[in-house]
Amino acid sequence: MTGSEFKQLRKDLGEAIGRDLSTADMAKLCGLPAGRTDTILRWEVGGPSGSAAELLRILAMASDRYPILENFNVFDRWDVPEQERPARRAQFRESMRDEVRRRLDQQA
């Protein structure tokens, strides 16, 4: 993930949950200690890597702009009726939005 992709993800996640995300919010999402916004500002230039990048790829599924990753996609299987798939995808995305909100609401 590049710095510009990281910045776009910040906007997209904010849009998905209905509020703008600050650098402190992004630090919280990544599990960084309070006050580590300097790390987020560096990532906006060079992009995150390692476990933070992987976590953000997962949380990105909260936004309709990002694909549901293959290992999370249980909706396109033969045992899920086609007419139920859109509702199940929407339900999954909403659960991801709830996870983003939960992480933001956690006390540091």
N, C-alpha and C. Protein backbone atom coordinates (compact mmCIF):
# COMPACT_ATOMS: atom_id res chain seq x y z
N MET A 1 0.85 -1.17 0.00
CA MET A 1 0.00 0.00 0.00
C MET A 1 0.90 1.23 0.00
N THR A 2 0.63 2.12 -0.93
CA THR A 2 1.40 3.35 -1.03
C THR A 2 0.82 4.42 -0.11
N GLY A 3 1.53 5.53 0.00
CA GLY A 3 1.05 6.64 0.81
C GLY A 3 -0.26 7.20 0.28
N SER A 4 -0.36 7.36 -1.03
CA SER A 4 -1.61 7.91 -1.60
C SER A 4 -2.77 6.93 -1.43
N GLU A 5 -2.49 5.63 -1.52
CA GLU A 5 -3.55 4.63 -1.27
C GLU A 5 -3.99 4.66 0.19
N PHE A 6 -3.04 4.88 1.07
CA PHE A 6 -3.36 4.99 2.49
C PHE A 6 -4.26 6.19 2.76
N LYS A 7 -3.92 7.34 2.15
CA LYS A 7 -4.75 8.54 2.31
C LYS A 7 -6.15 8.31 1.76
N GLN A 8 -6.24 7.65 0.61
CA GLN A 8 -7.55 7.36 0.03
C GLN A 8 -8.34 6.42 0.92
N LEU A 9 -7.67 5.44 1.50
CA LEU A 9 -8.34 4.52 2.41
C LEU A 9 -8.91 5.26 3.61
N ARG A 10 -8.17 6.22 4.11
CA ARG A 10 -8.66 7.03 5.24
C ARG A 10 -9.97 7.73 4.86
N LYS A 11 -10.02 8.30 3.67
CA LYS A 11 -11.25 8.95 3.20
C LYS A 11 -12.37 7.94 3.01
N ASP A 12 -12.05 6.81 2.40
CA ASP A 12 -13.07 5.80 2.10
C ASP A 12 -13.65 5.18 3.37
N LEU A 13 -12.80 4.90 4.35
CA LEU A 13 -13.31 4.36 5.61
C LEU A 13 -14.17 5.38 6.34
N GLY A 14 -13.75 6.63 6.31
CA GLY A 14 -14.55 7.69 6.92
C GLY A 14 -15.92 7.79 6.27
N GLU A 15 -15.94 7.72 4.96
CA GLU A 15 -17.20 7.75 4.23
C GLU A 15 -18.06 6.53 4.57
N ALA A 16 -17.44 5.38 4.71
CA ALA A 16 -18.17 4.14 5.01
C ALA A 16 -18.86 4.19 6.37
N ILE A 17 -18.20 4.84 7.35
CA ILE A 17 -18.81 4.88 8.68
C ILE A 17 -19.52 6.20 8.97
N GLY A 18 -19.46 7.12 8.02
CA GLY A 18 -20.22 8.36 8.14
C GLY A 18 -19.57 9.46 8.94
N ARG A 19 -18.24 9.46 9.02
CA ARG A 19 -17.54 10.56 9.69
C ARG A 19 -16.10 10.62 9.20
N ASP A 20 -15.53 11.82 9.23
CA ASP A 20 -14.14 11.98 8.82
C ASP A 20 -13.23 11.33 9.85
N LEU A 21 -12.16 10.72 9.38
CA LEU A 21 -11.19 10.09 10.27
C LEU A 21 -9.95 10.97 10.37
N SER A 22 -9.51 11.22 11.60
CA SER A 22 -8.31 12.01 11.84
C SER A 22 -7.09 11.09 11.81
N THR A 23 -5.91 11.70 11.89
CA THR A 23 -4.71 10.87 11.98
C THR A 23 -4.72 10.06 13.27
N ALA A 24 -5.26 10.63 14.35
CA ALA A 24 -5.36 9.89 15.62
C ALA A 24 -6.31 8.70 15.47
N ASP A 25 -7.39 8.87 14.70
CA ASP A 25 -8.31 7.76 14.45
C ASP A 25 -7.61 6.64 13.69
N MET A 26 -6.82 7.00 12.69
CA MET A 26 -6.11 5.98 11.91
C MET A 26 -5.09 5.26 12.78
N ALA A 27 -4.43 6.00 13.67
CA ALA A 27 -3.49 5.37 14.59
C ALA A 27 -4.21 4.36 15.48
N LYS A 28 -5.38 4.74 15.94
CA LYS A 28 -6.18 3.85 16.79
C LYS A 28 -6.60 2.60 16.02
N LEU A 29 -7.02 2.76 14.78
CA LEU A 29 -7.41 1.62 13.96
C LEU A 29 -6.27 0.62 13.80
N CYS A 30 -5.05 1.15 13.71
CA CYS A 30 -3.88 0.29 13.50
C CYS A 30 -3.32 -0.25 14.81
N GLY A 31 -3.91 0.15 15.93
CA GLY A 31 -3.44 -0.34 17.22
C GLY A 31 -2.20 0.36 17.72
N LEU A 32 -1.91 1.54 17.19
CA LEU A 32 -0.75 2.30 17.65
C LEU A 32 -1.07 2.99 18.97
N PRO A 33 -0.07 3.23 19.79
CA PRO A 33 -0.31 3.94 21.06
C PRO A 33 -0.84 5.35 20.80
N ALA A 34 -1.59 5.86 21.77
CA ALA A 34 -2.13 7.22 21.65
C ALA A 34 -0.98 8.20 21.41
N GLY A 35 -1.22 9.17 20.57
CA GLY A 35 -0.21 10.17 20.28
C GLY A 35 0.78 9.79 19.20
N ARG A 36 0.61 8.66 18.54
CA ARG A 36 1.54 8.23 17.50
C ARG A 36 1.12 8.69 16.11
N THR A 37 0.58 9.88 16.04
CA THR A 37 0.14 10.40 14.75
C THR A 37 1.31 10.65 13.81
N ASP A 38 2.52 10.78 14.36
CA ASP A 38 3.70 10.97 13.50
C ASP A 38 3.89 9.77 12.58
N THR A 39 3.58 8.59 13.08
CA THR A 39 3.68 7.37 12.26
C THR A 39 2.68 7.45 11.11
N ILE A 40 1.46 7.88 11.42
CA ILE A 40 0.42 7.99 10.38
C ILE A 40 0.85 9.01 9.33
N LEU A 41 1.40 10.13 9.75
CA LEU A 41 1.85 11.14 8.79
C LEU A 41 2.96 10.59 7.89
N ARG A 42 3.85 9.77 8.45
CA ARG A 42 4.90 9.13 7.63
C ARG A 42 4.26 8.16 6.63
N TRP A 43 3.26 7.42 7.09
CA TRP A 43 2.58 6.46 6.22
C TRP A 43 1.85 7.16 5.09
N GLU A 44 1.41 8.39 5.31
CA GLU A 44 0.73 9.13 4.24
C GLU A 44 1.70 9.48 3.11
N VAL A 45 2.99 9.39 3.38
CA VAL A 45 4.00 9.63 2.36
C VAL A 45 4.48 8.30 1.78
N GLY A 46 4.91 7.40 2.65
CA GLY A 46 5.53 6.16 2.18
C GLY A 46 4.65 4.93 2.25
N GLY A 47 3.53 5.01 2.94
CA GLY A 47 2.64 3.86 3.07
C GLY A 47 3.03 2.94 4.20
N PRO A 48 2.05 2.29 4.81
CA PRO A 48 2.34 1.33 5.87
C PRO A 48 2.85 0.02 5.28
N SER A 49 3.46 -0.78 6.13
CA SER A 49 3.92 -2.10 5.68
C SER A 49 3.66 -3.11 6.79
N GLY A 50 3.95 -4.34 6.50
CA GLY A 50 3.84 -5.39 7.50
C GLY A 50 2.43 -5.62 8.00
N SER A 51 2.33 -5.84 9.31
CA SER A 51 1.03 -6.19 9.90
C SER A 51 0.03 -5.05 9.81
N ALA A 52 0.50 -3.80 9.85
CA ALA A 52 -0.42 -2.66 9.74
C ALA A 52 -1.06 -2.63 8.35
N ALA A 53 -0.28 -2.86 7.31
CA ALA A 53 -0.81 -2.88 5.95
C ALA A 53 -1.83 -4.00 5.79
N GLU A 54 -1.54 -5.16 6.36
CA GLU A 54 -2.46 -6.30 6.26
C GLU A 54 -3.76 -6.01 7.00
N LEU A 55 -3.65 -5.44 8.20
CA LEU A 55 -4.85 -5.08 8.96
C LEU A 55 -5.70 -4.08 8.18
N LEU A 56 -5.07 -3.10 7.57
CA LEU A 56 -5.80 -2.09 6.80
C LEU A 56 -6.46 -2.70 5.57
N ARG A 57 -5.83 -3.69 4.95
CA ARG A 57 -6.45 -4.39 3.80
C ARG A 57 -7.75 -5.06 4.25
N ILE A 58 -7.75 -5.60 5.46
CA ILE A 58 -8.95 -6.25 5.98
C ILE A 58 -10.01 -5.22 6.34
N LEU A 59 -9.62 -4.17 7.05
CA LEU A 59 -10.59 -3.14 7.43
C LEU A 59 -11.14 -2.40 6.21
N ALA A 60 -10.38 -2.37 5.13
CA ALA A 60 -10.84 -1.70 3.90
C ALA A 60 -12.13 -2.31 3.37
N MET A 61 -12.39 -3.55 3.70
CA MET A 61 -13.61 -4.20 3.22
C MET A 61 -14.87 -3.55 3.78
N ALA A 62 -14.74 -2.64 4.74
CA ALA A 62 -15.88 -1.89 5.25
C ALA A 62 -16.43 -0.95 4.18
N SER A 63 -15.59 -0.58 3.23
CA SER A 63 -15.97 0.33 2.15
C SER A 63 -16.35 -0.46 0.90
N ASP A 64 -17.38 -0.01 0.23
CA ASP A 64 -17.79 -0.64 -1.02
C ASP A 64 -16.76 -0.47 -2.13
N ARG A 65 -15.80 0.41 -1.93
CA ARG A 65 -14.78 0.66 -2.96
C ARG A 65 -13.68 -0.39 -2.99
N TYR A 66 -13.68 -1.29 -2.02
CA TYR A 66 -12.63 -2.30 -1.93
C TYR A 66 -13.26 -3.68 -2.04
N PRO A 67 -12.57 -4.59 -2.69
CA PRO A 67 -13.14 -5.94 -2.85
C PRO A 67 -13.13 -6.70 -1.53
N ILE A 68 -14.07 -7.61 -1.42
CA ILE A 68 -14.04 -8.53 -0.29
C ILE A 68 -12.96 -9.56 -0.62
N LEU A 69 -12.00 -9.68 0.25
CA LEU A 69 -10.86 -10.56 0.00
C LEU A 69 -11.32 -12.01 -0.13
N GLU A 70 -10.62 -12.74 -0.95
CA GLU A 70 -11.01 -14.12 -1.27
C GLU A 70 -11.21 -14.98 -0.03
N ASN A 71 -10.33 -14.88 0.94
CA ASN A 71 -10.46 -15.73 2.12
C ASN A 71 -11.59 -15.30 3.05
N PHE A 72 -12.25 -14.18 2.76
CA PHE A 72 -13.42 -13.74 3.51
C PHE A 72 -14.71 -13.94 2.71
N ASN A 73 -14.57 -14.25 1.43
CA ASN A 73 -15.72 -14.31 0.54
C ASN A 73 -16.38 -15.69 0.62
N VAL A 74 -17.38 -15.79 1.46
CA VAL A 74 -18.12 -17.05 1.59
C VAL A 74 -19.50 -16.92 0.93
N PHE A 75 -19.66 -15.89 0.12
CA PHE A 75 -20.96 -15.58 -0.45
C PHE A 75 -21.14 -16.17 -1.84
N ASP A 76 -20.07 -16.40 -2.55
CA ASP A 76 -20.15 -16.89 -3.92
C ASP A 76 -19.98 -18.40 -4.00
N ARG A 77 -20.26 -19.07 -2.92
CA ARG A 77 -20.14 -20.53 -2.91
C ARG A 77 -21.41 -21.16 -3.45
N TRP A 78 -21.30 -22.39 -3.86
CA TRP A 78 -22.42 -23.12 -4.43
C TRP A 78 -23.59 -23.28 -3.45
N ASP A 79 -23.31 -23.29 -2.15
CA ASP A 79 -24.37 -23.52 -1.17
C ASP A 79 -25.08 -22.25 -0.70
N VAL A 80 -24.75 -21.11 -1.31
CA VAL A 80 -25.44 -19.85 -1.00
C VAL A 80 -26.26 -19.46 -2.22
N PRO A 81 -27.58 -19.46 -2.09
CA PRO A 81 -28.42 -19.10 -3.24
C PRO A 81 -28.06 -17.73 -3.79
N GLU A 82 -28.04 -17.63 -5.12
CA GLU A 82 -27.63 -16.37 -5.77
C GLU A 82 -28.43 -15.17 -5.32
N GLN A 83 -29.72 -15.34 -5.10
CA GLN A 83 -30.55 -14.21 -4.70
C GLN A 83 -30.22 -13.70 -3.29
N GLU A 84 -29.56 -14.50 -2.48
CA GLU A 84 -29.18 -14.10 -1.13
C GLU A 84 -27.81 -13.42 -1.08
N ARG A 85 -27.01 -13.58 -2.09
CA ARG A 85 -25.62 -13.10 -2.07
C ARG A 85 -25.48 -11.59 -1.87
N PRO A 86 -26.25 -10.75 -2.58
CA PRO A 86 -26.10 -9.31 -2.36
C PRO A 86 -26.40 -8.90 -0.91
N ALA A 87 -27.43 -9.47 -0.32
CA ALA A 87 -27.78 -9.14 1.06
C ALA A 87 -26.71 -9.61 2.02
N ARG A 88 -26.14 -10.76 1.76
CA ARG A 88 -25.08 -11.28 2.64
C ARG A 88 -23.81 -10.44 2.52
N ARG A 89 -23.49 -10.00 1.31
CA ARG A 89 -22.33 -9.11 1.14
C ARG A 89 -22.55 -7.80 1.89
N ALA A 90 -23.75 -7.24 1.76
CA ALA A 90 -24.07 -5.99 2.46
C ALA A 90 -23.99 -6.18 3.97
N GLN A 91 -24.47 -7.30 4.45
CA GLN A 91 -24.41 -7.60 5.89
C GLN A 91 -22.95 -7.71 6.34
N PHE A 92 -22.12 -8.35 5.53
CA PHE A 92 -20.70 -8.48 5.86
C PHE A 92 -20.04 -7.12 5.92
N ARG A 93 -20.29 -6.28 4.93
CA ARG A 93 -19.69 -4.94 4.92
C ARG A 93 -20.13 -4.15 6.14
N GLU A 94 -21.39 -4.28 6.52
CA GLU A 94 -21.87 -3.58 7.71
C GLU A 94 -21.17 -4.09 8.95
N SER A 95 -20.90 -5.38 9.03
CA SER A 95 -20.17 -5.92 10.18
C SER A 95 -18.73 -5.38 10.21
N MET A 96 -18.15 -5.17 9.04
CA MET A 96 -16.81 -4.58 8.98
C MET A 96 -16.86 -3.11 9.42
N ARG A 97 -17.91 -2.40 9.05
CA ARG A 97 -18.07 -1.01 9.51
C ARG A 97 -18.20 -0.98 11.03
N ASP A 98 -18.97 -1.93 11.57
CA ASP A 98 -19.11 -2.02 13.02
C ASP A 98 -17.76 -2.28 13.68
N GLU A 99 -16.92 -3.10 13.05
CA GLU A 99 -15.59 -3.38 13.59
C GLU A 99 -14.74 -2.11 13.59
N VAL A 100 -14.81 -1.33 12.53
CA VAL A 100 -14.06 -0.07 12.49
C VAL A 100 -14.55 0.85 13.62
N ARG A 101 -15.86 0.98 13.76
CA ARG A 101 -16.42 1.82 14.83
C ARG A 101 -15.98 1.31 16.21
N ARG A 102 -16.00 -0.01 16.40
CA ARG A 102 -15.62 -0.60 17.68
C ARG A 102 -14.16 -0.25 18.01
N ARG A 103 -13.29 -0.37 17.02
CA ARG A 103 -11.88 -0.04 17.24
C ARG A 103 -11.70 1.43 17.59
N LEU A 104 -12.48 2.29 16.96
CA LEU A 104 -12.37 3.72 17.23
C LEU A 104 -12.92 4.08 18.61
N ASP A 105 -13.90 3.33 19.08
CA ASP A 105 -14.53 3.62 20.37
C ASP A 105 -13.76 3.03 21.55
N GLN A 106 -12.81 2.14 21.29
CA GLN A 106 -12.03 1.54 22.37
C GLN A 106 -11.23 2.59 23.10
N GLN A 107 -11.14 2.41 24.39
CA GLN A 107 -10.30 3.30 25.20
C GLN A 107 -8.83 2.93 24.98
N ALA A 108 -8.01 3.91 24.89
CA ALA A 108 -6.56 3.66 24.67
C ALA A 108 -5.91 3.10 25.91
